[in-house]
Amino acid sequence: MRAELTLSCSLASLEGLRAFCSKSLLVWAVPEDISEKLTLALDEACTNAMKHGHRCNPKEHILVVLEKKGERILFKVHDIGPLPENLCAHIDKPLSALVKERKKGGLGLKLMHRIMDDVRFVTKNGVSYCIMVKNI
């Protein structure tokens, strides 16, 4: 099973994303407690793509693909913008360090990694993607 949604890179689009994700997961009979967490992880990934990759430019778009294959849910966010060089260092930073630094940001990435079983950022033919997998 597969569902796709194209979003304008405006944070106002996130409400529609959450409804789309929740509805798709409901149709696929994903339990509500898991669905809520998955929707949150996808919201974080798209928020990061919109803010950091596209500077909230509503003229730019991202494509969100949801797939269910057996007991596996896959989310793929297309064209998230350029990946920062220090992404791995940021992801690996302990939560306590983020709290101590009191900087804005970084918690969404931690949340995505905590909710999902696999989170990857890849670049292919000059286009970057966020791929997240959850085994349910």
Protein backbone atom coordinates (compact mmCIF):
# COMPACT_ATOMS: atom_id res chain seq x y z
CA MET A 1 0.00 0.00 0.00
CA ARG A 2 1.25 3.44 -0.89
CA ALA A 3 0.16 7.05 -0.46
CA GLU A 4 1.77 10.28 -1.70
CA LEU A 5 1.35 13.95 -0.86
CA THR A 6 3.06 17.01 -2.32
CA LEU A 7 3.43 19.87 0.15
CA SER A 8 4.27 23.52 -0.25
CA CYS A 9 7.25 24.42 1.95
CA SER A 10 5.08 26.58 4.18
CA LEU A 11 4.65 25.53 7.80
CA ALA A 12 0.91 26.00 7.29
CA SER A 13 1.05 22.81 5.15
CA LEU A 14 1.92 20.70 8.20
CA GLU A 15 -1.69 20.48 9.39
CA GLY A 16 -2.67 18.81 6.13
CA LEU A 17 0.35 16.51 6.37
CA ARG A 18 -0.67 15.32 9.83
CA ALA A 19 -4.24 14.64 8.68
CA PHE A 20 -2.99 12.79 5.58
CA CYS A 21 -0.59 10.66 7.61
CA SER A 22 -3.13 9.83 10.33
CA LYS A 23 -5.78 8.91 7.75
CA SER A 24 -3.40 6.69 5.75
CA LEU A 25 -2.21 4.87 8.87
CA LEU A 26 -5.82 4.40 10.03
CA VAL A 27 -6.78 2.85 6.68
CA TRP A 28 -3.77 0.54 7.02
CA ALA A 29 -4.99 -0.51 10.51
CA VAL A 30 -1.93 0.81 12.35
CA PRO A 31 -2.76 1.04 16.08
CA GLU A 32 -3.56 4.59 17.20
CA ASP A 33 -0.73 4.85 19.75
CA ILE A 34 1.83 3.90 17.07
CA SER A 35 0.13 6.09 14.45
CA GLU A 36 0.44 9.17 16.67
CA LYS A 37 4.18 8.62 17.13
CA LEU A 38 4.76 7.98 13.44
CA THR A 39 2.83 11.11 12.52
CA LEU A 40 4.99 13.11 14.94
CA ALA A 41 8.21 11.74 13.42
CA LEU A 42 7.04 12.57 9.90
CA ASP A 43 5.96 16.05 11.01
CA GLU A 44 9.47 16.65 12.41
CA ALA A 45 11.16 15.44 9.21
CA CYS A 46 8.98 17.69 7.04
CA THR A 47 9.38 20.66 9.37
CA ASN A 48 13.17 20.33 9.13
CA ALA A 49 13.00 20.06 5.33
CA MET A 50 10.80 23.14 5.10
CA LYS A 51 12.75 25.28 7.57
CA HIS A 52 16.34 24.28 6.89
CA GLY A 53 16.22 22.96 3.34
CA HIS A 54 13.81 25.42 1.77
CA ARG A 55 13.72 28.37 4.19
CA CYS A 56 9.88 28.09 4.37
CA ASN A 57 9.56 29.23 0.75
CA PRO A 58 5.94 28.38 -0.21
CA LYS A 59 6.95 28.32 -3.89
CA GLU A 60 9.09 25.24 -3.26
CA HIS A 61 7.68 21.76 -2.62
CA ILE A 62 8.52 18.43 -1.01
CA LEU A 63 7.03 15.06 -1.86
CA VAL A 64 6.06 12.75 0.99
CA VAL A 65 5.64 9.02 0.29
CA LEU A 66 4.15 6.58 2.80
CA GLU A 67 4.33 2.83 2.22
CA LYS A 68 3.18 -0.19 4.17
CA LYS A 69 4.78 -3.51 3.30
CA GLY A 70 3.69 -6.25 5.67
CA GLU A 71 4.64 -5.14 9.16
CA ARG A 72 6.91 -2.33 7.95
CA ILE A 73 6.03 1.34 7.51
CA LEU A 74 8.32 3.45 5.32
CA PHE A 75 8.26 7.24 5.06
CA LYS A 76 10.30 9.01 2.39
CA VAL A 77 10.55 12.80 2.19
CA HIS A 78 11.88 13.86 -1.23
CA ASP A 79 13.98 16.98 -1.82
CA ILE A 80 14.72 18.01 1.75
CA GLY A 81 17.36 20.47 0.58
CA PRO A 82 21.12 20.29 1.07
CA LEU A 83 22.32 18.21 4.00
CA PRO A 84 24.47 20.05 6.54
CA GLU A 85 28.05 18.82 6.78
CA ASN A 86 27.77 18.34 10.54
CA LEU A 87 24.51 16.35 10.48
CA CYS A 88 26.05 13.17 11.93
CA ALA A 89 27.73 15.07 14.76
CA HIS A 90 24.45 16.76 15.56
CA ILE A 91 22.49 13.49 15.54
CA ASP A 92 25.06 11.74 17.75
CA LYS A 93 25.13 14.54 20.32
CA PRO A 94 23.71 13.33 23.65
CA LEU A 95 20.35 14.74 24.66
CA SER A 96 21.90 16.08 27.86
CA ALA A 97 24.32 18.16 25.76
CA LEU A 98 21.45 19.65 23.75
CA VAL A 99 19.63 20.55 26.96
CA LYS A 100 22.79 22.01 28.52
CA GLU A 101 23.51 24.15 25.43
CA ARG A 102 19.93 25.49 25.53
CA LYS A 103 20.04 26.09 21.81
CA LYS A 104 16.93 25.93 19.70
CA GLY A 105 16.77 22.87 17.52
CA GLY A 106 18.14 19.36 17.49
CA LEU A 107 15.44 17.76 19.58
CA GLY A 108 13.34 16.92 16.51
CA LEU A 109 16.14 14.78 15.08
CA LYS A 110 16.49 12.97 18.40
CA LEU A 111 12.74 12.39 18.48
CA MET A 112 12.74 10.97 14.95
CA HIS A 113 15.53 8.55 15.87
CA ARG A 114 13.78 7.52 19.08
CA ILE A 115 10.42 6.81 17.38
CA MET A 116 11.64 5.16 14.19
CA ASP A 117 13.70 1.98 13.83
CA ASP A 118 15.84 3.42 11.04
CA VAL A 119 16.41 7.02 9.92
CA ARG A 120 18.68 7.76 6.99
CA PHE A 121 19.57 10.84 4.99
CA VAL A 122 20.76 10.16 1.45
CA THR A 123 21.63 12.21 -1.59
CA LYS A 124 21.13 10.81 -5.08
CA ASN A 125 21.65 12.77 -8.30
CA GLY A 126 21.92 16.00 -6.32
CA VAL A 127 18.60 15.50 -4.48
CA SER A 128 18.52 14.74 -0.73
CA TYR A 129 15.98 12.45 0.95
CA CYS A 130 14.99 11.51 4.47
CA ILE A 131 14.01 7.85 4.74
CA MET A 132 12.44 6.51 7.93
CA VAL A 133 11.35 2.94 8.69
CA LYS A 134 9.26 1.53 11.53
CA ASN A 135 8.62 -2.16 12.10
CA ILE A 136 5.23 -2.59 13.73
